[in-house]
Amino acid sequence: MKKDIKIKDLIIKYASIVCGVSMVAFAVAVFYTPNKIVSGGVSGISTILYHTLHISQGVSFFTINTLLLLISLKPLGKGFVFNTIWVSTLLSVLVEAFSYIPPLTDDIFLATVFGSILYGAGIGLTLINGASTGGTDVLARLVQKAFSHVKIGSLLLFVDLSVILSSLIVFKKINLSLYGIVALCICSFSINFLIRKLNISKLAFIITTRGEELAAYLIKKSPRGVTLINSKGGYTMKNNSVLLCALKEQETVVFQKRVLKVDPDAFIIFSESSQIIGNGFRVYK
């Protein structure tokens, strides 16, 4: 049974990585590159190379990522590099494949908004599953090895802004650079929003006179544990119980039905938790 669960988890993990990489590739090929949107990173360098030297997006992605990974093989370790190779290779292939799809819009504002939301969500989906698409993430980690006191977020921001500045020099259009900065901000927001959303859980507080019976039933019927606390009602002064249970957001409806099935008079409070650490809960970073 446990083996089946592990296989299922692996399938979900790698399917999520492929989905995330596909979203990134689609955003770059269909929204960013056709509209000359440079939001930093390898995607920005790829867009500049495509419009100046006519190098295909897939080739530039693959070449830049390969060079960075070869340089980082020793300082960052084989584990990180080999884990990144297949993801960055898949990204290169998909970017090249999606480049044959006509642009969905030639409105630069719409391309910036929808492209960066899709790009950020794709990067976030990849990161939370322990994978990396390579690019400036690798470069930032290399620099951090030499200057450990510098935060990786600051390094990434510096690299991305440098690429955006390069687009201003190449394309000589301030509007494109400003849209690139907007895309970078929206992308960062999308990543943070996705990670925060996945970390959000619920805390259930159940006040009941049938504490032990209800606790036993919930433990039997759900994968979550229950903490039973003896209490006394401030108004009735009668002894009762408070059950505390941590849940995923999508589990609350079923959980509520189970509680009311045992005790229709139970008083249930659901509270939002920004992060829960412990058995059965994963912290996304």
C-alpha atoms as a PDB file:
ATOM      1  CA  MET A   1       0.000   0.000   0.000  1.00  0.00           C
ATOM      2  CA  LYS A   2       2.786   2.427   0.956  1.00  0.00           C
ATOM      3  CA  LYS A   3       4.649   1.534  -2.235  1.00  0.00           C
ATOM      4  CA  ASP A   4       1.553   2.399  -4.291  1.00  0.00           C
ATOM      5  CA  ILE A   5       1.278   5.754  -2.498  1.00  0.00           C
ATOM      6  CA  LYS A   6       4.952   6.540  -3.211  1.00  0.00           C
ATOM      7  CA  ILE A   7       4.531   5.684  -6.898  1.00  0.00           C
ATOM      8  CA  LYS A   8       1.423   7.867  -7.046  1.00  0.00           C
ATOM      9  CA  ASP A   9       3.299  10.746  -5.370  1.00  0.00           C
ATOM     10  CA  LEU A  10       6.179  10.404  -7.861  1.00  0.00           C
ATOM     11  CA  ILE A  11       3.773  10.444 -10.810  1.00  0.00           C
ATOM     12  CA  ILE A  12       2.051  13.569  -9.448  1.00  0.00           C
ATOM     13  CA  LYS A  13       5.434  15.214  -8.785  1.00  0.00           C
ATOM     14  CA  TYR A  14       6.860  14.675 -12.262  1.00  0.00           C
ATOM     15  CA  ALA A  15       3.547  15.435 -13.966  1.00  0.00           C
ATOM     16  CA  SER A  16       3.487  18.750 -12.065  1.00  0.00           C
ATOM     17  CA  ILE A  17       7.066  19.533 -13.150  1.00  0.00           C
ATOM     18  CA  VAL A  18       6.225  18.799 -16.798  1.00  0.00           C
ATOM     19  CA  CYS A  19       3.082  20.953 -16.504  1.00  0.00           C
ATOM     20  CA  GLY A  20       5.086  23.814 -14.948  1.00  0.00           C
ATOM     21  CA  VAL A  21       7.823  23.643 -17.591  1.00  0.00           C
ATOM     22  CA  SER A  22       5.167  23.578 -20.337  1.00  0.00           C
ATOM     23  CA  MET A  23       3.586  26.749 -18.919  1.00  0.00           C
ATOM     24  CA  VAL A  24       6.963  28.515 -18.863  1.00  0.00           C
ATOM     25  CA  ALA A  25       7.785  27.429 -22.418  1.00  0.00           C
ATOM     26  CA  PHE A  26       4.363  28.494 -23.718  1.00  0.00           C
ATOM     27  CA  ALA A  27       4.632  31.917 -22.058  1.00  0.00           C
ATOM     28  CA  VAL A  28       8.081  32.524 -23.559  1.00  0.00           C
ATOM     29  CA  ALA A  29       7.291  31.271 -27.077  1.00  0.00           C
ATOM     30  CA  VAL A  30       3.763  32.653 -27.526  1.00  0.00           C
ATOM     31  CA  PHE A  31       3.698  35.803 -25.365  1.00  0.00           C
ATOM     32  CA  TYR A  32       7.209  37.066 -24.562  1.00  0.00           C
ATOM     33  CA  THR A  33       9.373  36.546 -27.645  1.00  0.00           C
ATOM     34  CA  PRO A  34       6.921  37.638 -30.384  1.00  0.00           C
ATOM     35  CA  ASN A  35       6.264  40.899 -28.499  1.00  0.00           C
ATOM     36  CA  LYS A  36       9.925  41.531 -27.550  1.00  0.00           C
ATOM     37  CA  ILE A  37       9.141  41.355 -23.825  1.00  0.00           C
ATOM     38  CA  VAL A  38      12.361  40.927 -21.854  1.00  0.00           C
ATOM     39  CA  SER A  39      11.688  40.207 -18.182  1.00  0.00           C
ATOM     40  CA  GLY A  40      15.184  38.997 -17.374  1.00  0.00           C
ATOM     41  CA  GLY A  41      16.774  35.583 -17.154  1.00  0.00           C
ATOM     42  CA  VAL A  42      17.488  33.166 -19.969  1.00  0.00           C
ATOM     43  CA  SER A  43      14.083  33.882 -21.512  1.00  0.00           C
ATOM     44  CA  GLY A  44      15.082  37.553 -21.858  1.00  0.00           C
ATOM     45  CA  ILE A  45      18.486  36.711 -23.345  1.00  0.00           C
ATOM     46  CA  SER A  46      16.769  34.267 -25.714  1.00  0.00           C
ATOM     47  CA  THR A  47      14.344  36.981 -26.863  1.00  0.00           C
ATOM     48  CA  ILE A  48      17.194  39.417 -27.539  1.00  0.00           C
ATOM     49  CA  LEU A  49      19.175  36.790 -29.491  1.00  0.00           C
ATOM     50  CA  TYR A  50      16.096  35.814 -31.490  1.00  0.00           C
ATOM     51  CA  HIS A  51      15.400  39.362 -32.666  1.00  0.00           C
ATOM     52  CA  THR A  52      19.042  40.385 -33.246  1.00  0.00           C
ATOM     53  CA  LEU A  53      20.882  37.265 -34.452  1.00  0.00           C
ATOM     54  CA  HIS A  54      17.794  35.191 -35.443  1.00  0.00           C
ATOM     55  CA  ILE A  55      18.872  32.299 -33.197  1.00  0.00           C
ATOM     56  CA  SER A  56      15.926  30.008 -32.482  1.00  0.00           C
ATOM     57  CA  GLN A  57      14.600  30.102 -28.938  1.00  0.00           C
ATOM     58  CA  GLY A  58      15.084  26.394 -28.252  1.00  0.00           C
ATOM     59  CA  VAL A  59      18.732  26.505 -29.352  1.00  0.00           C
ATOM     60  CA  SER A  60      19.574  29.566 -27.247  1.00  0.00           C
ATOM     61  CA  PHE A  61      17.829  28.116 -24.180  1.00  0.00           C
ATOM     62  CA  PHE A  62      19.676  24.820 -24.516  1.00  0.00           C
ATOM     63  CA  THR A  63      23.082  26.415 -25.194  1.00  0.00           C
ATOM     64  CA  ILE A  64      22.952  28.936 -22.332  1.00  0.00           C
ATOM     65  CA  ASN A  65      21.660  26.386 -19.804  1.00  0.00           C
ATOM     66  CA  THR A  66      24.234  23.787 -20.875  1.00  0.00           C
ATOM     67  CA  LEU A  67      27.114  26.246 -20.465  1.00  0.00           C
ATOM     68  CA  LEU A  68      25.877  27.341 -17.026  1.00  0.00           C
ATOM     69  CA  LEU A  69      25.403  23.748 -15.879  1.00  0.00           C
ATOM     70  CA  LEU A  70      28.872  22.712 -17.068  1.00  0.00           C
ATOM     71  CA  ILE A  71      30.408  25.622 -15.157  1.00  0.00           C
ATOM     72  CA  SER A  72      28.396  24.761 -12.042  1.00  0.00           C
ATOM     73  CA  LEU A  73      29.105  21.017 -12.080  1.00  0.00           C
ATOM     74  CA  LYS A  74      31.880  21.208  -9.487  1.00  0.00           C
ATOM     75  CA  PRO A  75      30.793  24.087  -7.199  1.00  0.00           C
ATOM     76  CA  LEU A  76      27.089  23.148  -7.019  1.00  0.00           C
ATOM     77  CA  GLY A  77      27.457  19.366  -7.086  1.00  0.00           C
ATOM     78  CA  LYS A  78      26.365  16.608  -9.451  1.00  0.00           C
ATOM     79  CA  GLY A  79      23.005  16.089  -7.728  1.00  0.00           C
ATOM     80  CA  PHE A  80      21.765  19.622  -8.380  1.00  0.00           C
ATOM     81  CA  VAL A  81      23.189  19.732 -11.909  1.00  0.00           C
ATOM     82  CA  PHE A  82      21.824  16.378 -13.082  1.00  0.00           C
ATOM     83  CA  ASN A  83      18.427  17.137 -11.592  1.00  0.00           C
ATOM     84  CA  THR A  84      18.382  20.414 -13.534  1.00  0.00           C
ATOM     85  CA  ILE A  85      19.627  18.951 -16.840  1.00  0.00           C
ATOM     86  CA  TRP A  86      16.483  17.036 -17.749  1.00  0.00           C
ATOM     87  CA  VAL A  87      14.207  19.925 -16.745  1.00  0.00           C
ATOM     88  CA  SER A  88      16.174  22.529 -18.734  1.00  0.00           C
ATOM     89  CA  THR A  89      16.396  20.150 -21.718  1.00  0.00           C
ATOM     90  CA  LEU A  90      12.631  19.634 -21.642  1.00  0.00           C
ATOM     91  CA  LEU A  91      12.186  23.403 -21.431  1.00  0.00           C
ATOM     92  CA  SER A  92      14.395  23.927 -24.501  1.00  0.00           C
ATOM     93  CA  VAL A  93      12.471  21.330 -26.512  1.00  0.00           C
ATOM     94  CA  LEU A  94       9.080  22.756 -25.539  1.00  0.00           C
ATOM     95  CA  VAL A  95      10.105  26.360 -26.230  1.00  0.00           C
ATOM     96  CA  GLU A  96      11.202  25.302 -29.716  1.00  0.00           C
ATOM     97  CA  ALA A  97       7.977  23.330 -30.261  1.00  0.00           C
ATOM     98  CA  PHE A  98       5.711  26.148 -29.056  1.00  0.00           C
ATOM     99  CA  SER A  99       7.562  28.705 -31.198  1.00  0.00           C
ATOM    100  CA  TYR A 100       5.622  27.365 -34.210  1.00  0.00           C
ATOM    101  CA  ILE A 101       2.339  28.462 -32.593  1.00  0.00           C
ATOM    102  CA  PRO A 102       1.212  31.919 -33.800  1.00  0.00           C
ATOM    103  CA  PRO A 103       1.233  34.638 -31.088  1.00  0.00           C
ATOM    104  CA  LEU A 104      -2.078  34.807 -29.224  1.00  0.00           C
ATOM    105  CA  THR A 105      -1.987  38.612 -29.157  1.00  0.00           C
ATOM    106  CA  ASP A 106       0.062  41.499 -30.526  1.00  0.00           C
ATOM    107  CA  ASP A 107      -1.110  43.755 -27.708  1.00  0.00           C
ATOM    108  CA  ILE A 108       2.027  44.174 -25.595  1.00  0.00           C
ATOM    109  CA  PHE A 109       0.061  44.933 -22.427  1.00  0.00           C
ATOM    110  CA  LEU A 110      -2.018  41.732 -22.671  1.00  0.00           C
ATOM    111  CA  ALA A 111       1.073  39.731 -23.608  1.00  0.00           C
ATOM    112  CA  THR A 112       2.920  41.098 -20.564  1.00  0.00           C
ATOM    113  CA  VAL A 113       0.119  40.357 -18.091  1.00  0.00           C
ATOM    114  CA  PHE A 114      -0.929  36.912 -19.283  1.00  0.00           C
ATOM    115  CA  GLY A 115       2.586  35.836 -20.209  1.00  0.00           C
ATOM    116  CA  SER A 116       4.067  36.748 -16.827  1.00  0.00           C
ATOM    117  CA  ILE A 117       1.195  35.145 -14.868  1.00  0.00           C
ATOM    118  CA  LEU A 118       1.664  31.920 -16.836  1.00  0.00           C
ATOM    119  CA  TYR A 119       5.458  32.128 -16.564  1.00  0.00           C
ATOM    120  CA  GLY A 120       5.403  32.763 -12.807  1.00  0.00           C
ATOM    121  CA  ALA A 121       2.889  30.002 -12.121  1.00  0.00           C
ATOM    122  CA  GLY A 122       4.975  27.573 -14.175  1.00  0.00           C
ATOM    123  CA  ILE A 123       8.203  28.458 -12.357  1.00  0.00           C
ATOM    124  CA  GLY A 124       6.395  28.178  -9.005  1.00  0.00           C
ATOM    125  CA  LEU A 125       4.972  24.768  -9.892  1.00  0.00           C
ATOM    126  CA  THR A 126       8.452  23.582 -10.853  1.00  0.00           C
ATOM    127  CA  LEU A 127      10.154  24.981  -7.745  1.00  0.00           C
ATOM    128  CA  ILE A 128       7.708  23.495  -5.224  1.00  0.00           C
ATOM    129  CA  ASN A 129       8.399  20.053  -6.675  1.00  0.00           C
ATOM    130  CA  GLY A 130      12.123  20.416  -6.052  1.00  0.00           C
ATOM    131  CA  ALA A 131      13.165  21.108  -9.655  1.00  0.00           C
ATOM    132  CA  SER A 132      14.868  24.028 -11.368  1.00  0.00           C
ATOM    133  CA  THR A 133      14.628  25.245 -14.949  1.00  0.00           C
ATOM    134  CA  GLY A 134      18.259  26.375 -14.788  1.00  0.00           C
ATOM    135  CA  GLY A 135      19.120  29.779 -16.208  1.00  0.00           C
ATOM    136  CA  THR A 136      19.764  32.679 -13.861  1.00  0.00           C
ATOM    137  CA  ASP A 137      18.924  30.500 -10.862  1.00  0.00           C
ATOM    138  CA  VAL A 138      22.133  28.562 -11.558  1.00  0.00           C
ATOM    139  CA  LEU A 139      24.112  31.758 -12.165  1.00  0.00           C
ATOM    140  CA  ALA A 140      22.872  33.289  -8.908  1.00  0.00           C
ATOM    141  CA  ARG A 141      23.822  30.160  -6.976  1.00  0.00           C
ATOM    142  CA  LEU A 142      27.315  30.263  -8.510  1.00  0.00           C
ATOM    143  CA  VAL A 143      27.800  33.896  -7.477  1.00  0.00           C
ATOM    144  CA  GLN A 144      26.459  33.098  -4.006  1.00  0.00           C
ATOM    145  CA  LYS A 145      29.158  30.444  -3.629  1.00  0.00           C
ATOM    146  CA  ALA A 146      31.762  33.188  -3.967  1.00  0.00           C
ATOM    147  CA  PHE A 147      29.816  35.813  -2.004  1.00  0.00           C
ATOM    148  CA  SER A 148      27.827  33.832   0.563  1.00  0.00           C
ATOM    149  CA  HIS A 149      26.669  36.946   2.434  1.00  0.00           C
ATOM    150  CA  VAL A 150      24.593  38.101  -0.555  1.00  0.00           C
ATOM    151  CA  LYS A 151      20.995  36.840  -0.630  1.00  0.00           C
ATOM    152  CA  ILE A 152      20.023  34.784  -3.685  1.00  0.00           C
ATOM    153  CA  GLY A 153      16.875  36.871  -4.187  1.00  0.00           C
ATOM    154  CA  SER A 154      18.988  40.022  -4.509  1.00  0.00           C
ATOM    155  CA  LEU A 155      21.300  38.286  -6.963  1.00  0.00           C
ATOM    156  CA  LEU A 156      18.414  37.131  -9.135  1.00  0.00           C
ATOM    157  CA  LEU A 157      16.953  40.634  -9.147  1.00  0.00           C
ATOM    158  CA  PHE A 158      20.317  42.119 -10.151  1.00  0.00           C
ATOM    159  CA  VAL A 159      20.769  39.629 -13.010  1.00  0.00           C
ATOM    160  CA  ASP A 160      17.212  40.123 -14.281  1.00  0.00           C
ATOM    161  CA  LEU A 161      17.495  43.914 -14.208  1.00  0.00           C
ATOM    162  CA  SER A 162      20.808  43.680 -16.085  1.00  0.00           C
ATOM    163  CA  VAL A 163      19.128  41.662 -18.844  1.00  0.00           C
ATOM    164  CA  ILE A 164      16.239  44.174 -19.015  1.00  0.00           C
ATOM    165  CA  LEU A 165      18.767  47.016 -19.295  1.00  0.00           C
ATOM    166  CA  SER A 166      20.409  45.120 -22.168  1.00  0.00           C
ATOM    167  CA  SER A 167      17.055  45.055 -23.978  1.00  0.00           C
ATOM    168  CA  LEU A 168      16.901  48.853 -23.722  1.00  0.00           C
ATOM    169  CA  ILE A 169      20.332  49.107 -25.350  1.00  0.00           C
ATOM    170  CA  VAL A 170      19.423  46.611 -28.092  1.00  0.00           C
ATOM    171  CA  PHE A 171      15.816  47.560 -28.913  1.00  0.00           C
ATOM    172  CA  LYS A 172      16.177  51.257 -27.966  1.00  0.00           C
ATOM    173  CA  LYS A 173      12.576  51.403 -26.747  1.00  0.00           C
ATOM    174  CA  ILE A 174      11.964  52.472 -23.178  1.00  0.00           C
ATOM    175  CA  ASN A 175       8.386  51.144 -23.284  1.00  0.00           C
ATOM    176  CA  LEU A 176       9.623  47.594 -23.894  1.00  0.00           C
ATOM    177  CA  SER A 177      11.984  47.809 -20.923  1.00  0.00           C
ATOM    178  CA  LEU A 178       9.219  49.176 -18.693  1.00  0.00           C
ATOM    179  CA  TYR A 179       6.934  46.327 -19.750  1.00  0.00           C
ATOM    180  CA  GLY A 180       9.802  43.964 -18.951  1.00  0.00           C
ATOM    181  CA  ILE A 181       9.964  45.338 -15.397  1.00  0.00           C
ATOM    182  CA  VAL A 182       6.171  44.978 -15.089  1.00  0.00           C
ATOM    183  CA  ALA A 183       6.443  41.369 -16.304  1.00  0.00           C
ATOM    184  CA  LEU A 184       9.196  40.678 -13.751  1.00  0.00           C
ATOM    185  CA  CYS A 185       7.029  42.049 -10.909  1.00  0.00           C
ATOM    186  CA  ILE A 186       3.924  40.090 -11.961  1.00  0.00           C
ATOM    187  CA  CYS A 187       5.998  36.932 -12.379  1.00  0.00           C
ATOM    188  CA  SER A 188       7.458  37.297  -8.853  1.00  0.00           C
ATOM    189  CA  PHE A 189       3.965  37.876  -7.452  1.00  0.00           C
ATOM    190  CA  SER A 190       2.638  34.759  -9.243  1.00  0.00           C
ATOM    191  CA  ILE A 191       5.405  32.588  -7.803  1.00  0.00           C
ATOM    192  CA  ASN A 192       4.912  33.892  -4.258  1.00  0.00           C
ATOM    193  CA  PHE A 193       1.111  33.664  -4.503  1.00  0.00           C
ATOM    194  CA  LEU A 194       1.224  30.022  -5.656  1.00  0.00           C
ATOM    195  CA  ILE A 195       3.647  28.976  -2.912  1.00  0.00           C
ATOM    196  CA  ARG A 196       1.659  30.851  -0.249  1.00  0.00           C
ATOM    197  CA  LYS A 197      -1.612  29.331  -1.480  1.00  0.00           C
ATOM    198  CA  LEU A 198      -0.210  25.795  -1.292  1.00  0.00           C
ATOM    199  CA  ASN A 199       1.090  26.396   2.242  1.00  0.00           C
ATOM    200  CA  ILE A 200      -2.280  27.614   3.537  1.00  0.00           C
ATOM    201  CA  SER A 201      -4.083  25.053   5.690  1.00  0.00           C
ATOM    202  CA  LYS A 202      -7.025  25.059   8.080  1.00  0.00           C
ATOM    203  CA  LEU A 203      -7.214  24.582  11.830  1.00  0.00           C
ATOM    204  CA  ALA A 204     -10.483  23.090  13.071  1.00  0.00           C
ATOM    205  CA  PHE A 205     -11.656  23.671  16.651  1.00  0.00           C
ATOM    206  CA  ILE A 206     -14.645  21.497  17.622  1.00  0.00           C
ATOM    207  CA  ILE A 207     -16.433  22.094  20.912  1.00  0.00           C
ATOM    208  CA  THR A 208     -18.440  18.996  21.816  1.00  0.00           C
ATOM    209  CA  THR A 209     -19.802  16.950  24.721  1.00  0.00           C
ATOM    210  CA  ARG A 210     -18.877  13.730  22.902  1.00  0.00           C
ATOM    211  CA  GLY A 211     -15.152  14.323  22.655  1.00  0.00           C
ATOM    212  CA  GLU A 212     -13.725  10.817  22.955  1.00  0.00           C
ATOM    213  CA  GLU A 213     -16.328   9.260  20.654  1.00  0.00           C
ATOM    214  CA  LEU A 214     -15.844  11.963  18.043  1.00  0.00           C
ATOM    215  CA  ALA A 215     -12.027  11.824  18.252  1.00  0.00           C
ATOM    216  CA  ALA A 216     -12.040   8.047  17.745  1.00  0.00           C
ATOM    217  CA  TYR A 217     -14.354   8.358  14.743  1.00  0.00           C
ATOM    218  CA  LEU A 218     -12.302  11.112  13.079  1.00  0.00           C
ATOM    219  CA  ILE A 219      -9.028   9.241  13.565  1.00  0.00           C
ATOM    220  CA  LYS A 220     -10.604   6.138  12.036  1.00  0.00           C
ATOM    221  CA  LYS A 221     -12.145   7.915   9.044  1.00  0.00           C
ATOM    222  CA  SER A 222      -9.516  10.524   8.135  1.00  0.00           C
ATOM    223  CA  PRO A 223      -5.706  10.609   7.682  1.00  0.00           C
ATOM    224  CA  ARG A 224      -5.407  13.504  10.144  1.00  0.00           C
ATOM    225  CA  GLY A 225      -4.698  13.291  13.848  1.00  0.00           C
ATOM    226  CA  VAL A 226      -6.844  14.893  16.527  1.00  0.00           C
ATOM    227  CA  THR A 227      -5.839  16.563  19.801  1.00  0.00           C
ATOM    228  CA  LEU A 228      -8.406  16.256  22.578  1.00  0.00           C
ATOM    229  CA  ILE A 229      -8.505  19.023  25.199  1.00  0.00           C
ATOM    230  CA  ASN A 230     -10.710  18.989  28.304  1.00  0.00           C
ATOM    231  CA  SER A 231     -12.575  22.258  28.769  1.00  0.00           C
ATOM    232  CA  LYS A 232     -15.464  23.932  30.597  1.00  0.00           C
ATOM    233  CA  GLY A 233     -18.120  26.148  29.069  1.00  0.00           C
ATOM    234  CA  GLY A 234     -17.891  29.721  30.313  1.00  0.00           C
ATOM    235  CA  TYR A 235     -21.674  30.198  30.159  1.00  0.00           C
ATOM    236  CA  THR A 236     -23.020  26.749  31.147  1.00  0.00           C
ATOM    237  CA  MET A 237     -20.079  25.835  33.405  1.00  0.00           C
ATOM    238  CA  LYS A 238     -20.455  22.264  32.085  1.00  0.00           C
ATOM    239  CA  ASN A 239     -17.510  20.051  31.222  1.00  0.00           C
ATOM    240  CA  ASN A 240     -16.984  19.362  27.528  1.00  0.00           C
ATOM    241  CA  SER A 241     -14.140  18.803  25.061  1.00  0.00           C
ATOM    242  CA  VAL A 242     -12.307  20.812  22.427  1.00  0.00           C
ATOM    243  CA  LEU A 243     -10.902  18.875  19.495  1.00  0.00           C
ATOM    244  CA  LEU A 244      -8.046  20.451  17.547  1.00  0.00           C
ATOM    245  CA  CYS A 245      -7.265  19.195  14.040  1.00  0.00           C
ATOM    246  CA  ALA A 246      -5.033  20.493  11.225  1.00  0.00           C
ATOM    247  CA  LEU A 247      -6.445  20.045   7.724  1.00  0.00           C
ATOM    248  CA  LYS A 248      -5.802  20.847   4.109  1.00  0.00           C
ATOM    249  CA  GLU A 249      -8.207  23.458   2.777  1.00  0.00           C
ATOM    250  CA  GLN A 250      -9.956  20.986   0.443  1.00  0.00           C
ATOM    251  CA  GLU A 251     -10.648  18.574   3.321  1.00  0.00           C
ATOM    252  CA  THR A 252     -12.847  20.928   5.364  1.00  0.00           C
ATOM    253  CA  VAL A 253     -16.232  20.079   3.797  1.00  0.00           C
ATOM    254  CA  VAL A 254     -15.894  16.314   4.315  1.00  0.00           C
ATOM    255  CA  PHE A 255     -14.448  16.892   7.788  1.00  0.00           C
ATOM    256  CA  GLN A 256     -17.433  19.017   8.789  1.00  0.00           C
ATOM    257  CA  LYS A 257     -19.887  16.327   7.621  1.00  0.00           C
ATOM    258  CA  ARG A 258     -18.059  13.696   9.665  1.00  0.00           C
ATOM    259  CA  VAL A 259     -18.178  15.833  12.806  1.00  0.00           C
ATOM    260  CA  LEU A 260     -21.898  16.608  12.489  1.00  0.00           C
ATOM    261  CA  LYS A 261     -22.666  12.960  11.780  1.00  0.00           C
ATOM    262  CA  VAL A 262     -21.418  12.012  15.255  1.00  0.00           C
ATOM    263  CA  ASP A 263     -22.504  15.170  17.076  1.00  0.00           C
ATOM    264  CA  PRO A 264     -25.112  17.372  15.301  1.00  0.00           C
ATOM    265  CA  ASP A 265     -24.805  19.911  18.144  1.00  0.00           C
ATOM    266  CA  ALA A 266     -21.031  20.331  17.805  1.00  0.00           C
ATOM    267  CA  PHE A 267     -19.703  23.887  17.521  1.00  0.00           C
ATOM    268  CA  ILE A 268     -17.035  24.067  14.755  1.00  0.00           C
ATOM    269  CA  ILE A 269     -14.560  26.885  14.141  1.00  0.00           C
ATOM    270  CA  PHE A 270     -12.294  26.874  11.066  1.00  0.00           C
ATOM    271  CA  SER A 271      -9.245  29.115  11.206  1.00  0.00           C
ATOM    272  CA  GLU A 272      -6.717  29.742   8.432  1.00  0.00           C
ATOM    273  CA  SER A 273      -3.081  28.822   9.051  1.00  0.00           C
ATOM    274  CA  SER A 274      -0.342  30.248   6.823  1.00  0.00           C
ATOM    275  CA  GLN A 275       1.917  27.247   7.391  1.00  0.00           C
ATOM    276  CA  ILE A 276       1.849  23.922   9.245  1.00  0.00           C
ATOM    277  CA  ILE A 277       5.008  21.894   9.864  1.00  0.00           C
ATOM    278  CA  GLY A 278       4.765  18.248  10.818  1.00  0.00           C
ATOM    279  CA  ASN A 279       3.701  14.773   9.801  1.00  0.00           C
ATOM    280  CA  GLY A 280       1.314  14.782   6.838  1.00  0.00           C
ATOM    281  CA  PHE A 281       2.043  18.394   5.870  1.00  0.00           C
ATOM    282  CA  ARG A 282       4.615  19.632   3.418  1.00  0.00           C
ATOM    283  CA  VAL A 283       6.138  23.115   3.523  1.00  0.00           C
ATOM    284  CA  TYR A 284       6.498  24.592   0.037  1.00  0.00           C
ATOM    285  CA  LYS A 285       9.405  26.990  -0.531  1.00  0.00           C
END
